[in-house]
């Protein structure tokens, strides 16, 4: 079974712990886990889940992080220091790409599993 960590979310968009603290990321992972649980109609544990569930939770938490980073700060992420322009999210995938992946994963997770008893 898989475990969703703060570093999984950070690695998705190449940010550091100084960009988003662990406590904030843990809340986002929790929200993403609850959302997936509601979508699937069953309890999901982000610390003990399938690889597909981990991927979904990680991507949804990543979307939450991007929203936090772009709108949750009065300073924002794009700023200038002297002649240098800095944008923390310059290498982040577009939100539409993340949304398409979330929809694809959710469709797969909702497929009924047919097996024999």
PDB file of N, CA and C in Angstrom:
ATOM      1  N   UNK A   1       0.849  -1.190   0.000  1.00  0.00           N
ATOM      2  CA  UNK A   1       0.000   0.000   0.000  1.00  0.00           C
ATOM      3  C   UNK A   1       0.883   1.239   0.000  1.00  0.00           C
ATOM      4  N   UNK A   2       0.316   2.333  -0.438  1.00  0.00           N
ATOM      5  CA  UNK A   2       1.064   3.579  -0.620  1.00  0.00           C
ATOM      6  C   UNK A   2       0.742   4.588   0.476  1.00  0.00           C
ATOM      7  N   UNK A   3       1.590   5.594   0.590  1.00  0.00           N
ATOM      8  CA  UNK A   3       1.462   6.650   1.576  1.00  0.00           C
ATOM      9  C   UNK A   3       1.709   7.992   0.889  1.00  0.00           C
ATOM     10  N   UNK A   4       0.775   8.940   1.019  1.00  0.00           N
ATOM     11  CA  UNK A   4       0.933  10.271   0.434  1.00  0.00           C
ATOM     12  C   UNK A   4       1.726  11.128   1.413  1.00  0.00           C
ATOM     13  N   UNK A   5       2.831  11.668   0.945  1.00  0.00           N
ATOM     14  CA  UNK A   5       3.653  12.523   1.803  1.00  0.00           C
ATOM     15  C   UNK A   5       3.690  13.953   1.266  1.00  0.00           C
ATOM     16  N   UNK A   6       4.113  14.864   2.108  1.00  0.00           N
ATOM     17  CA  UNK A   6       4.269  16.254   1.686  1.00  0.00           C
ATOM     18  C   UNK A   6       5.264  16.366   0.545  1.00  0.00           C
ATOM     19  N   UNK A   7       6.313  15.562   0.582  1.00  0.00           N
ATOM     20  CA  UNK A   7       7.315  15.630  -0.480  1.00  0.00           C
ATOM     21  C   UNK A   7       6.751  15.148  -1.810  1.00  0.00           C
ATOM     22  N   UNK A   8       5.784  14.225  -1.801  1.00  0.00           N
ATOM     23  CA  UNK A   8       5.137  13.797  -3.048  1.00  0.00           C
ATOM     24  C   UNK A   8       4.472  14.989  -3.732  1.00  0.00           C
ATOM     25  N   UNK A   9       3.767  15.786  -2.944  1.00  0.00           N
ATOM     26  CA  UNK A   9       3.067  16.952  -3.485  1.00  0.00           C
ATOM     27  C   UNK A   9       4.078  17.988  -3.964  1.00  0.00           C
ATOM     28  N   UNK A  10       5.078  18.259  -3.160  1.00  0.00           N
ATOM     29  CA  UNK A  10       6.102  19.243  -3.549  1.00  0.00           C
ATOM     30  C   UNK A  10       6.830  18.837  -4.822  1.00  0.00           C
ATOM     31  N   UNK A  11       7.154  17.562  -4.937  1.00  0.00           N
ATOM     32  CA  UNK A  11       7.883  17.076  -6.114  1.00  0.00           C
ATOM     33  C   UNK A  11       7.083  17.249  -7.399  1.00  0.00           C
ATOM     34  N   UNK A  12       5.764  17.205  -7.305  1.00  0.00           N
ATOM     35  CA  UNK A  12       4.916  17.322  -8.486  1.00  0.00           C
ATOM     36  C   UNK A  12       5.108  18.661  -9.189  1.00  0.00           C
ATOM     37  N   UNK A  13       5.319  19.721  -8.400  1.00  0.00           N
ATOM     38  CA  UNK A  13       5.487  21.046  -9.012  1.00  0.00           C
ATOM     39  C   UNK A  13       6.828  21.685  -8.653  1.00  0.00           C
ATOM     40  N   UNK A  14       7.734  20.873  -8.125  1.00  0.00           N
ATOM     41  CA  UNK A  14       9.099  21.323  -7.885  1.00  0.00           C
ATOM     42  C   UNK A  14       9.180  22.552  -6.972  1.00  0.00           C
ATOM     43  N   UNK A  15       8.572  22.435  -5.795  1.00  0.00           N
ATOM     44  CA  UNK A  15       8.680  23.495  -4.798  1.00  0.00           C
ATOM     45  C   UNK A  15       9.379  22.942  -3.564  1.00  0.00           C
ATOM     46  N   UNK A  16       9.761  23.819  -2.664  1.00  0.00           N
ATOM     47  CA  UNK A  16      10.479  23.394  -1.465  1.00  0.00           C
ATOM     48  C   UNK A  16       9.612  23.581  -0.221  1.00  0.00           C
ATOM     49  N   UNK A  17      10.116  23.086   0.884  1.00  0.00           N
ATOM     50  CA  UNK A  17       9.407  23.218   2.166  1.00  0.00           C
ATOM     51  C   UNK A  17       9.272  24.678   2.571  1.00  0.00           C
ATOM     52  N   UNK A  18      10.169  25.526   2.101  1.00  0.00           N
ATOM     53  CA  UNK A  18      10.062  26.948   2.441  1.00  0.00           C
ATOM     54  C   UNK A  18       8.920  27.622   1.680  1.00  0.00           C
ATOM     55  N   UNK A  19       8.478  27.019   0.564  1.00  0.00           N
ATOM     56  CA  UNK A  19       7.364  27.583  -0.203  1.00  0.00           C
ATOM     57  C   UNK A  19       6.022  27.290   0.464  1.00  0.00           C
ATOM     58  N   UNK A  20       5.852  26.062   0.938  1.00  0.00           N
ATOM     59  CA  UNK A  20       4.615  25.662   1.621  1.00  0.00           C
ATOM     60  C   UNK A  20       5.003  24.756   2.786  1.00  0.00           C
ATOM     61  N   UNK A  21       4.706  25.175   4.018  1.00  0.00           N
ATOM     62  CA  UNK A  21       5.080  24.372   5.188  1.00  0.00           C
ATOM     63  C   UNK A  21       4.337  23.044   5.260  1.00  0.00           C
ATOM     64  N   UNK A  22       4.938  22.083   5.942  1.00  0.00           N
ATOM     65  CA  UNK A  22       4.341  20.749   6.097  1.00  0.00           C
ATOM     66  C   UNK A  22       2.927  20.811   6.664  1.00  0.00           C
ATOM     67  N   UNK A  23       2.711  21.631   7.672  1.00  0.00           N
ATOM     68  CA  UNK A  23       1.387  21.696   8.303  1.00  0.00           C
ATOM     69  C   UNK A  23       0.316  22.097   7.291  1.00  0.00           C
ATOM     70  N   UNK A  24       0.623  23.037   6.426  1.00  0.00           N
ATOM     71  CA  UNK A  24      -0.328  23.475   5.403  1.00  0.00           C
ATOM     72  C   UNK A  24      -0.553  22.362   4.380  1.00  0.00           C
ATOM     73  N   UNK A  25       0.535  21.697   3.972  1.00  0.00           N
ATOM     74  CA  UNK A  25       0.420  20.608   2.997  1.00  0.00           C
ATOM     75  C   UNK A  25      -0.380  19.442   3.551  1.00  0.00           C
ATOM     76  N   UNK A  26      -0.190  19.133   4.816  1.00  0.00           N
ATOM     77  CA  UNK A  26      -0.929  18.040   5.440  1.00  0.00           C
ATOM     78  C   UNK A  26      -2.433  18.309   5.415  1.00  0.00           C
ATOM     79  N   UNK A  27      -2.829  19.572   5.616  1.00  0.00           N
ATOM     80  CA  UNK A  27      -4.249  19.935   5.539  1.00  0.00           C
ATOM     81  C   UNK A  27      -4.771  19.745   4.123  1.00  0.00           C
ATOM     82  N   UNK A  28      -3.952  20.098   3.134  1.00  0.00           N
ATOM     83  CA  UNK A  28      -4.363  19.948   1.738  1.00  0.00           C
ATOM     84  C   UNK A  28      -4.494  18.482   1.358  1.00  0.00           C
ATOM     85  N   UNK A  29      -3.589  17.658   1.842  1.00  0.00           N
ATOM     86  CA  UNK A  29      -3.668  16.217   1.600  1.00  0.00           C
ATOM     87  C   UNK A  29      -4.929  15.661   2.259  1.00  0.00           C
ATOM     88  N   UNK A  30      -5.235  16.114   3.455  1.00  0.00           N
ATOM     89  CA  UNK A  30      -6.440  15.665   4.162  1.00  0.00           C
ATOM     90  C   UNK A  30      -7.691  16.043   3.375  1.00  0.00           C
ATOM     91  N   UNK A  31      -7.739  17.281   2.874  1.00  0.00           N
ATOM     92  CA  UNK A  31      -8.885  17.730   2.076  1.00  0.00           C
ATOM     93  C   UNK A  31      -9.034  16.892   0.815  1.00  0.00           C
ATOM     94  N   UNK A  32      -7.917  16.627   0.160  1.00  0.00           N
ATOM     95  CA  UNK A  32      -7.942  15.824  -1.067  1.00  0.00           C
ATOM     96  C   UNK A  32      -8.413  14.402  -0.765  1.00  0.00           C
ATOM     97  N   UNK A  33      -8.004  13.871   0.373  1.00  0.00           N
ATOM     98  CA  UNK A  33      -8.409  12.519   0.780  1.00  0.00           C
ATOM     99  C   UNK A  33      -9.905  12.460   1.045  1.00  0.00           C
ATOM    100  N   UNK A  34     -10.425  13.455   1.743  1.00  0.00           N
ATOM    101  CA  UNK A  34     -11.861  13.514   2.024  1.00  0.00           C
ATOM    102  C   UNK A  34     -12.644  13.635   0.719  1.00  0.00           C
ATOM    103  N   UNK A  35     -12.151  14.452  -0.195  1.00  0.00           N
ATOM    104  CA  UNK A  35     -12.824  14.615  -1.488  1.00  0.00           C
ATOM    105  C   UNK A  35     -12.892  13.290  -2.231  1.00  0.00           C
ATOM    106  N   UNK A  36     -11.776  12.571  -2.278  1.00  0.00           N
ATOM    107  CA  UNK A  36     -11.768  11.273  -2.954  1.00  0.00           C
ATOM    108  C   UNK A  36     -12.695  10.294  -2.247  1.00  0.00           C
ATOM    109  N   UNK A  37     -12.701  10.297  -0.931  1.00  0.00           N
ATOM    110  CA  UNK A  37     -13.601   9.422  -0.171  1.00  0.00           C
ATOM    111  C   UNK A  37     -15.057   9.697  -0.528  1.00  0.00           C
ATOM    112  N   UNK A  38     -15.413  10.969  -0.621  1.00  0.00           N
ATOM    113  CA  UNK A  38     -16.785  11.333  -0.978  1.00  0.00           C
ATOM    114  C   UNK A  38     -17.110  10.923  -2.414  1.00  0.00           C
ATOM    115  N   UNK A  39     -16.171  11.100  -3.318  1.00  0.00           N
ATOM    116  CA  UNK A  39     -16.380  10.723  -4.724  1.00  0.00           C
ATOM    117  C   UNK A  39     -16.597   9.219  -4.874  1.00  0.00           C
ATOM    118  N   UNK A  40     -15.844   8.441  -4.108  1.00  0.00           N
ATOM    119  CA  UNK A  40     -15.914   6.987  -4.237  1.00  0.00           C
ATOM    120  C   UNK A  40     -16.933   6.344  -3.299  1.00  0.00           C
ATOM    121  N   UNK A  41     -17.409   7.105  -2.308  1.00  0.00           N
ATOM    122  CA  UNK A  41     -18.381   6.565  -1.369  1.00  0.00           C
ATOM    123  C   UNK A  41     -17.800   5.554  -0.407  1.00  0.00           C
ATOM    124  N   UNK A  42     -16.512   5.684  -0.140  1.00  0.00           N
ATOM    125  CA  UNK A  42     -15.862   4.797   0.838  1.00  0.00           C
ATOM    126  C   UNK A  42     -14.707   5.552   1.494  1.00  0.00           C
ATOM    127  N   UNK A  43     -14.307   5.070   2.637  1.00  0.00           N
ATOM    128  CA  UNK A  43     -13.236   5.716   3.384  1.00  0.00           C
ATOM    129  C   UNK A  43     -11.885   5.427   2.753  1.00  0.00           C
ATOM    130  N   UNK A  44     -11.099   6.481   2.566  1.00  0.00           N
ATOM    131  CA  UNK A  44      -9.744   6.374   2.032  1.00  0.00           C
ATOM    132  C   UNK A  44      -8.790   6.875   3.111  1.00  0.00           C
ATOM    133  N   UNK A  45      -7.685   6.199   3.286  1.00  0.00           N
ATOM    134  CA  UNK A  45      -6.645   6.606   4.228  1.00  0.00           C
ATOM    135  C   UNK A  45      -5.405   6.983   3.420  1.00  0.00           C
ATOM    136  N   UNK A  46      -5.020   8.237   3.458  1.00  0.00           N
ATOM    137  CA  UNK A  46      -3.877   8.697   2.664  1.00  0.00           C
ATOM    138  C   UNK A  46      -2.553   8.088   3.126  1.00  0.00           C
ATOM    139  N   UNK A  47      -2.555   7.493   4.297  1.00  0.00           N
ATOM    140  CA  UNK A  47      -1.338   6.857   4.800  1.00  0.00           C
ATOM    141  C   UNK A  47      -1.286   5.364   4.474  1.00  0.00           C
ATOM    142  N   UNK A  48      -2.378   4.839   3.912  1.00  0.00           N
ATOM    143  CA  UNK A  48      -2.439   3.423   3.556  1.00  0.00           C
ATOM    144  C   UNK A  48      -3.466   3.268   2.432  1.00  0.00           C
ATOM    145  N   UNK A  49      -3.054   3.603   1.208  1.00  0.00           N
ATOM    146  CA  UNK A  49      -3.974   3.601   0.086  1.00  0.00           C
ATOM    147  C   UNK A  49      -3.336   2.931  -1.135  1.00  0.00           C
ATOM    148  N   UNK A  50      -4.136   2.723  -2.158  1.00  0.00           N
ATOM    149  CA  UNK A  50      -3.606   2.127  -3.386  1.00  0.00           C
ATOM    150  C   UNK A  50      -2.747   3.159  -4.124  1.00  0.00           C
ATOM    151  N   UNK A  51      -1.976   2.695  -5.082  1.00  0.00           N
ATOM    152  CA  UNK A  51      -1.144   3.604  -5.872  1.00  0.00           C
ATOM    153  C   UNK A  51      -2.004   4.609  -6.640  1.00  0.00           C
ATOM    154  N   UNK A  52      -3.137   4.161  -7.187  1.00  0.00           N
ATOM    155  CA  UNK A  52      -4.023   5.058  -7.932  1.00  0.00           C
ATOM    156  C   UNK A  52      -4.637   6.109  -7.001  1.00  0.00           C
ATOM    157  N   UNK A  53      -5.036   5.694  -5.796  1.00  0.00           N
ATOM    158  CA  UNK A  53      -5.572   6.646  -4.827  1.00  0.00           C
ATOM    159  C   UNK A  53      -4.508   7.650  -4.422  1.00  0.00           C
ATOM    160  N   UNK A  54      -3.293   7.173  -4.223  1.00  0.00           N
ATOM    161  CA  UNK A  54      -2.181   8.064  -3.871  1.00  0.00           C
ATOM    162  C   UNK A  54      -1.969   9.105  -4.963  1.00  0.00           C
ATOM    163  N   UNK A  55      -1.986   8.663  -6.200  1.00  0.00           N
ATOM    164  CA  UNK A  55      -1.779   9.578  -7.322  1.00  0.00           C
ATOM    165  C   UNK A  55      -2.870  10.632  -7.361  1.00  0.00           C
ATOM    166  N   UNK A  56      -4.116  10.228  -7.177  1.00  0.00           N
ATOM    167  CA  UNK A  56      -5.238  11.176  -7.193  1.00  0.00           C
ATOM    168  C   UNK A  56      -5.102  12.190  -6.052  1.00  0.00           C
ATOM    169  N   UNK A  57      -4.859  11.700  -4.856  1.00  0.00           N
ATOM    170  CA  UNK A  57      -4.731  12.588  -3.692  1.00  0.00           C
ATOM    171  C   UNK A  57      -3.565  13.565  -3.902  1.00  0.00           C
ATOM    172  N   UNK A  58      -2.454  13.061  -4.400  1.00  0.00           N
ATOM    173  CA  UNK A  58      -1.284  13.906  -4.639  1.00  0.00           C
ATOM    174  C   UNK A  58      -1.598  14.994  -5.652  1.00  0.00           C
ATOM    175  N   UNK A  59      -2.237  14.629  -6.755  1.00  0.00           N
ATOM    176  CA  UNK A  59      -2.548  15.625  -7.784  1.00  0.00           C
ATOM    177  C   UNK A  59      -3.565  16.650  -7.302  1.00  0.00           C
ATOM    178  N   UNK A  60      -4.590  16.207  -6.587  1.00  0.00           N
ATOM    179  CA  UNK A  60      -5.582  17.158  -6.095  1.00  0.00           C
ATOM    180  C   UNK A  60      -4.957  18.086  -5.054  1.00  0.00           C
ATOM    181  N   UNK A  61      -4.136  17.552  -4.183  1.00  0.00           N
ATOM    182  CA  UNK A  61      -3.436  18.403  -3.215  1.00  0.00           C
ATOM    183  C   UNK A  61      -2.515  19.388  -3.934  1.00  0.00           C
ATOM    184  N   UNK A  62      -1.928  18.968  -5.044  1.00  0.00           N
ATOM    185  CA  UNK A  62      -1.083  19.851  -5.843  1.00  0.00           C
ATOM    186  C   UNK A  62      -1.895  21.015  -6.405  1.00  0.00           C
ATOM    187  N   UNK A  63      -3.095  20.736  -6.867  1.00  0.00           N
ATOM    188  CA  UNK A  63      -3.975  21.809  -7.348  1.00  0.00           C
ATOM    189  C   UNK A  63      -4.250  22.782  -6.205  1.00  0.00           C
ATOM    190  N   UNK A  64      -4.519  22.258  -5.007  1.00  0.00           N
ATOM    191  CA  UNK A  64      -4.744  23.118  -3.846  1.00  0.00           C
ATOM    192  C   UNK A  64      -3.510  23.970  -3.554  1.00  0.00           C
ATOM    193  N   UNK A  65      -2.335  23.384  -3.682  1.00  0.00           N
ATOM    194  CA  UNK A  65      -1.088  24.125  -3.429  1.00  0.00           C
ATOM    195  C   UNK A  65      -0.925  25.253  -4.439  1.00  0.00           C
ATOM    196  N   UNK A  66      -1.192  24.960  -5.711  1.00  0.00           N
ATOM    197  CA  UNK A  66      -1.070  26.007  -6.730  1.00  0.00           C
ATOM    198  C   UNK A  66      -2.026  27.156  -6.431  1.00  0.00           C
ATOM    199  N   UNK A  67      -3.250  26.834  -6.042  1.00  0.00           N
ATOM    200  CA  UNK A  67      -4.210  27.878  -5.669  1.00  0.00           C
ATOM    201  C   UNK A  67      -3.712  28.670  -4.470  1.00  0.00           C
ATOM    202  N   UNK A  68      -3.172  27.988  -3.495  1.00  0.00           N
ATOM    203  CA  UNK A  68      -2.630  28.643  -2.302  1.00  0.00           C
ATOM    204  C   UNK A  68      -1.474  29.568  -2.672  1.00  0.00           C
ATOM    205  N   UNK A  69      -0.571  29.059  -3.496  1.00  0.00           N
ATOM    206  CA  UNK A  69       0.615  29.837  -3.848  1.00  0.00           C
ATOM    207  C   UNK A  69       0.299  31.039  -4.722  1.00  0.00           C
ATOM    208  N   UNK A  70      -0.697  30.935  -5.551  1.00  0.00           N
ATOM    209  CA  UNK A  70      -0.998  32.045  -6.452  1.00  0.00           C
ATOM    210  C   UNK A  70      -2.002  33.032  -5.881  1.00  0.00           C
ATOM    211  N   UNK A  71      -2.775  32.623  -4.891  1.00  0.00           N
ATOM    212  CA  UNK A  71      -3.784  33.536  -4.371  1.00  0.00           C
ATOM    213  C   UNK A  71      -3.772  33.697  -2.871  1.00  0.00           C
ATOM    214  N   UNK A  72      -2.980  32.896  -2.178  1.00  0.00           N
ATOM    215  CA  UNK A  72      -3.011  32.926  -0.731  1.00  0.00           C
ATOM    216  C   UNK A  72      -2.001  33.854  -0.097  1.00  0.00           C
ATOM    217  N   UNK A  73      -1.293  34.587  -0.917  1.00  0.00           N
ATOM    218  CA  UNK A  73      -0.258  35.460  -0.373  1.00  0.00           C
ATOM    219  C   UNK A  73      -0.431  36.856  -0.927  1.00  0.00           C
ATOM    220  N   UNK A  74      -0.279  37.851  -0.081  1.00  0.00           N
ATOM    221  CA  UNK A  74      -0.386  39.229  -0.531  1.00  0.00           C
ATOM    222  C   UNK A  74       0.764  39.593  -1.457  1.00  0.00           C
ATOM    223  N   UNK A  75       1.887  38.909  -1.305  1.00  0.00           N
ATOM    224  CA  UNK A  75       3.060  39.187  -2.124  1.00  0.00           C
ATOM    225  C   UNK A  75       2.985  38.442  -3.444  1.00  0.00           C
ATOM    226  N   UNK A  76       2.459  37.234  -3.429  1.00  0.00           N
ATOM    227  CA  UNK A  76       2.393  36.424  -4.635  1.00  0.00           C
ATOM    228  C   UNK A  76       3.714  35.722  -4.898  1.00  0.00           C
ATOM    229  N   UNK A  77       3.782  34.996  -5.997  1.00  0.00           N
ATOM    230  CA  UNK A  77       4.984  34.250  -6.319  1.00  0.00           C
ATOM    231  C   UNK A  77       5.832  34.917  -7.367  1.00  0.00           C
ATOM    232  N   UNK A  78       5.234  35.754  -8.162  1.00  0.00           N
ATOM    233  CA  UNK A  78       6.009  36.451  -9.172  1.00  0.00           C
ATOM    234  C   UNK A  78       6.494  37.761  -8.562  1.00  0.00           C
ATOM    235  N   UNK A  79       7.784  37.906  -8.512  1.00  0.00           N
ATOM    236  CA  UNK A  79       8.329  39.126  -7.935  1.00  0.00           C
ATOM    237  C   UNK A  79       9.674  39.426  -8.563  1.00  0.00           C
ATOM    238  N   UNK A  80      10.134  40.624  -8.371  1.00  0.00           N
ATOM    239  CA  UNK A  80      11.416  41.040  -8.929  1.00  0.00           C
ATOM    240  C   UNK A  80      12.374  41.402  -7.815  1.00  0.00           C
ATOM    241  N   UNK A  81      13.623  41.008  -8.004  1.00  0.00           N
ATOM    242  CA  UNK A  81      14.690  41.395  -7.089  1.00  0.00           C
ATOM    243  C   UNK A  81      15.780  41.991  -7.975  1.00  0.00           C
ATOM    244  N   UNK A  82      15.931  43.294  -7.910  1.00  0.00           N
ATOM    245  CA  UNK A  82      16.867  43.940  -8.828  1.00  0.00           C
ATOM    246  C   UNK A  82      16.417  43.690 -10.254  1.00  0.00           C
ATOM    247  N   UNK A  83      17.304  43.183 -11.077  1.00  0.00           N
ATOM    248  CA  UNK A  83      16.966  42.875 -12.462  1.00  0.00           C
ATOM    249  C   UNK A  83      16.478  41.460 -12.670  1.00  0.00           C
ATOM    250  N   UNK A  84      16.372  40.687 -11.603  1.00  0.00           N
ATOM    251  CA  UNK A  84      15.965  39.283 -11.713  1.00  0.00           C
ATOM    252  C   UNK A  84      14.471  39.133 -11.457  1.00  0.00           C
ATOM    253  N   UNK A  85      13.802  38.376 -12.329  1.00  0.00           N
ATOM    254  CA  UNK A  85      12.398  38.024 -12.116  1.00  0.00           C
ATOM    255  C   UNK A  85      12.341  36.594 -11.632  1.00  0.00           C
ATOM    256  N   UNK A  86      11.528  36.359 -10.608  1.00  0.00           N
ATOM    257  CA  UNK A  86      11.417  35.027 -10.026  1.00  0.00           C
ATOM    258  C   UNK A  86       9.957  34.615 -10.021  1.00  0.00           C
ATOM    259  N   UNK A  87       9.707  33.367 -10.421  1.00  0.00           N
ATOM    260  CA  UNK A  87       8.366  32.810 -10.368  1.00  0.00           C
ATOM    261  C   UNK A  87       8.491  31.361  -9.918  1.00  0.00           C
ATOM    262  N   UNK A  88       8.048  31.065  -8.704  1.00  0.00           N
ATOM    263  CA  UNK A  88       8.180  29.734  -8.127  1.00  0.00           C
ATOM    264  C   UNK A  88       7.457  28.684  -8.972  1.00  0.00           C
ATOM    265  N   UNK A  89       6.347  29.055  -9.594  1.00  0.00           N
ATOM    266  CA  UNK A  89       5.551  28.097 -10.349  1.00  0.00           C
ATOM    267  C   UNK A  89       5.907  28.050 -11.834  1.00  0.00           C
ATOM    268  N   UNK A  90       7.043  28.586 -12.207  1.00  0.00           N
ATOM    269  CA  UNK A  90       7.393  28.630 -13.628  1.00  0.00           C
ATOM    270  C   UNK A  90       7.490  27.255 -14.263  1.00  0.00           C
ATOM    271  N   UNK A  91       7.791  26.219 -13.479  1.00  0.00           N
ATOM    272  CA  UNK A  91       7.904  24.875 -14.034  1.00  0.00           C
ATOM    273  C   UNK A  91       6.718  23.987 -13.677  1.00  0.00           C
ATOM    274  N   UNK A  92       5.703  24.552 -13.068  1.00  0.00           N
ATOM    275  CA  UNK A  92       4.515  23.766 -12.704  1.00  0.00           C
ATOM    276  C   UNK A  92       3.697  23.455 -13.956  1.00  0.00           C
ATOM    277  N   UNK A  93       3.086  22.266 -14.002  1.00  0.00           N
ATOM    278  CA  UNK A  93       2.237  21.949 -15.154  1.00  0.00           C
ATOM    279  C   UNK A  93       0.987  22.824 -15.127  1.00  0.00           C
ATOM    280  N   UNK A  94       0.408  23.102 -16.296  1.00  0.00           N
ATOM    281  CA  UNK A  94      -0.835  23.887 -16.331  1.00  0.00           C
ATOM    282  C   UNK A  94      -1.937  23.171 -15.559  1.00  0.00           C
ATOM    283  N   UNK A  95      -2.821  23.936 -14.953  1.00  0.00           N
ATOM    284  CA  UNK A  95      -3.917  23.340 -14.189  1.00  0.00           C
ATOM    285  C   UNK A  95      -4.793  22.447 -15.053  1.00  0.00           C
ATOM    286  N   UNK A  96      -4.941  22.755 -16.340  1.00  0.00           N
ATOM    287  CA  UNK A  96      -5.771  21.917 -17.200  1.00  0.00           C
ATOM    288  C   UNK A  96      -5.184  20.514 -17.334  1.00  0.00           C
ATOM    289  N   UNK A  97      -3.870  20.409 -17.362  1.00  0.00           N
ATOM    290  CA  UNK A  97      -3.221  19.100 -17.434  1.00  0.00           C
ATOM    291  C   UNK A  97      -3.509  18.312 -16.159  1.00  0.00           C
ATOM    292  N   UNK A  98      -3.389  18.973 -15.014  1.00  0.00           N
ATOM    293  CA  UNK A  98      -3.676  18.312 -13.737  1.00  0.00           C
ATOM    294  C   UNK A  98      -5.150  17.912 -13.657  1.00  0.00           C
ATOM    295  N   UNK A  99      -6.039  18.781 -14.128  1.00  0.00           N
ATOM    296  CA  UNK A  99      -7.474  18.475 -14.099  1.00  0.00           C
ATOM    297  C   UNK A  99      -7.781  17.258 -14.963  1.00  0.00           C
ATOM    298  N   UNK A 100      -7.223  17.181 -16.149  1.00  0.00           N
ATOM    299  CA  UNK A 100      -7.461  16.033 -17.026  1.00  0.00           C
ATOM    300  C   UNK A 100      -6.963  14.742 -16.382  1.00  0.00           C
ATOM    301  N   UNK A 101      -5.814  14.813 -15.739  1.00  0.00           N
ATOM    302  CA  UNK A 101      -5.273  13.626 -15.076  1.00  0.00           C
ATOM    303  C   UNK A 101      -6.158  13.207 -13.899  1.00  0.00           C
ATOM    304  N   UNK A 102      -6.652  14.184 -13.139  1.00  0.00           N
ATOM    305  CA  UNK A 102      -7.555  13.884 -12.030  1.00  0.00           C
ATOM    306  C   UNK A 102      -8.820  13.191 -12.533  1.00  0.00           C
ATOM    307  N   UNK A 103      -9.395  13.711 -13.611  1.00  0.00           N
ATOM    308  CA  UNK A 103     -10.613  13.112 -14.163  1.00  0.00           C
ATOM    309  C   UNK A 103     -10.346  11.690 -14.654  1.00  0.00           C
ATOM    310  N   UNK A 104      -9.209  11.469 -15.315  1.00  0.00           N
ATOM    311  CA  UNK A 104      -8.857  10.139 -15.811  1.00  0.00           C
ATOM    312  C   UNK A 104      -8.695   9.156 -14.651  1.00  0.00           C
ATOM    313  N   UNK A 105      -7.991   9.587 -13.607  1.00  0.00           N
ATOM    314  CA  UNK A 105      -7.783   8.720 -12.449  1.00  0.00           C
ATOM    315  C   UNK A 105      -9.087   8.405 -11.735  1.00  0.00           C
ATOM    316  N   UNK A 106      -9.936   9.417 -11.576  1.00  0.00           N
ATOM    317  CA  UNK A 106     -11.208   9.209 -10.877  1.00  0.00           C
ATOM    318  C   UNK A 106     -12.093   8.234 -11.649  1.00  0.00           C
ATOM    319  N   UNK A 107     -12.106   8.350 -12.957  1.00  0.00           N
ATOM    320  CA  UNK A 107     -12.886   7.416 -13.773  1.00  0.00           C
ATOM    321  C   UNK A 107     -12.407   5.984 -13.544  1.00  0.00           C
ATOM    322  N   UNK A 108     -11.090   5.806 -13.515  1.00  0.00           N
ATOM    323  CA  UNK A 108     -10.543   4.473 -13.263  1.00  0.00           C
ATOM    324  C   UNK A 108     -10.841   3.966 -11.872  1.00  0.00           C
ATOM    325  N   UNK A 109     -10.786   4.847 -10.890  1.00  0.00           N
ATOM    326  CA  UNK A 109     -11.067   4.442  -9.509  1.00  0.00           C
ATOM    327  C   UNK A 109     -12.537   4.091  -9.300  1.00  0.00           C
ATOM    328  N   UNK A 110     -13.414   4.674 -10.098  1.00  0.00           N
ATOM    329  CA  UNK A 110     -14.855   4.416  -9.961  1.00  0.00           C
ATOM    330  C   UNK A 110     -15.296   3.160 -10.696  1.00  0.00           C
ATOM    331  N   UNK A 111     -14.457   2.576 -11.530  1.00  0.00           N
ATOM    332  CA  UNK A 111     -14.820   1.377 -12.279  1.00  0.00           C
ATOM    333  C   UNK A 111     -15.092   0.236 -11.296  1.00  0.00           C
ATOM    334  N   UNK A 112     -16.181  -0.472 -11.510  1.00  0.00           N
ATOM    335  CA  UNK A 112     -16.457  -1.611 -10.620  1.00  0.00           C
ATOM    336  C   UNK A 112     -15.411  -2.705 -10.828  1.00  0.00           C
ATOM    337  N   UNK A 113     -15.059  -3.339  -9.750  1.00  0.00           N
ATOM    338  CA  UNK A 113     -14.117  -4.445  -9.802  1.00  0.00           C
ATOM    339  C   UNK A 113     -14.911  -5.744  -9.808  1.00  0.00           C
ATOM    340  N   UNK A 114     -14.736  -6.501 -10.870  1.00  0.00           N
ATOM    341  CA  UNK A 114     -15.464  -7.760 -11.009  1.00  0.00           C
ATOM    342  C   UNK A 114     -14.490  -8.900 -10.727  1.00  0.00           C
ATOM    343  N   UNK A 115     -14.850  -9.719  -9.816  1.00  0.00           N
ATOM    344  CA  UNK A 115     -13.983 -10.846  -9.461  1.00  0.00           C
ATOM    345  C   UNK A 115     -14.832 -12.026  -9.042  1.00  0.00           C
ATOM    346  N   UNK A 116     -14.172 -13.092  -8.747  1.00  0.00           N
ATOM    347  CA  UNK A 116     -14.910 -14.281  -8.285  1.00  0.00           C
ATOM    348  C   UNK A 116     -14.689 -14.470  -6.797  1.00  0.00           C
ATOM    349  N   UNK A 117     -15.676 -15.030  -6.183  1.00  0.00           N
ATOM    350  CA  UNK A 117     -15.607 -15.245  -4.746  1.00  0.00           C
ATOM    351  C   UNK A 117     -15.129 -16.622  -4.426  1.00  0.00           C
TER     352      UNK A 117
END
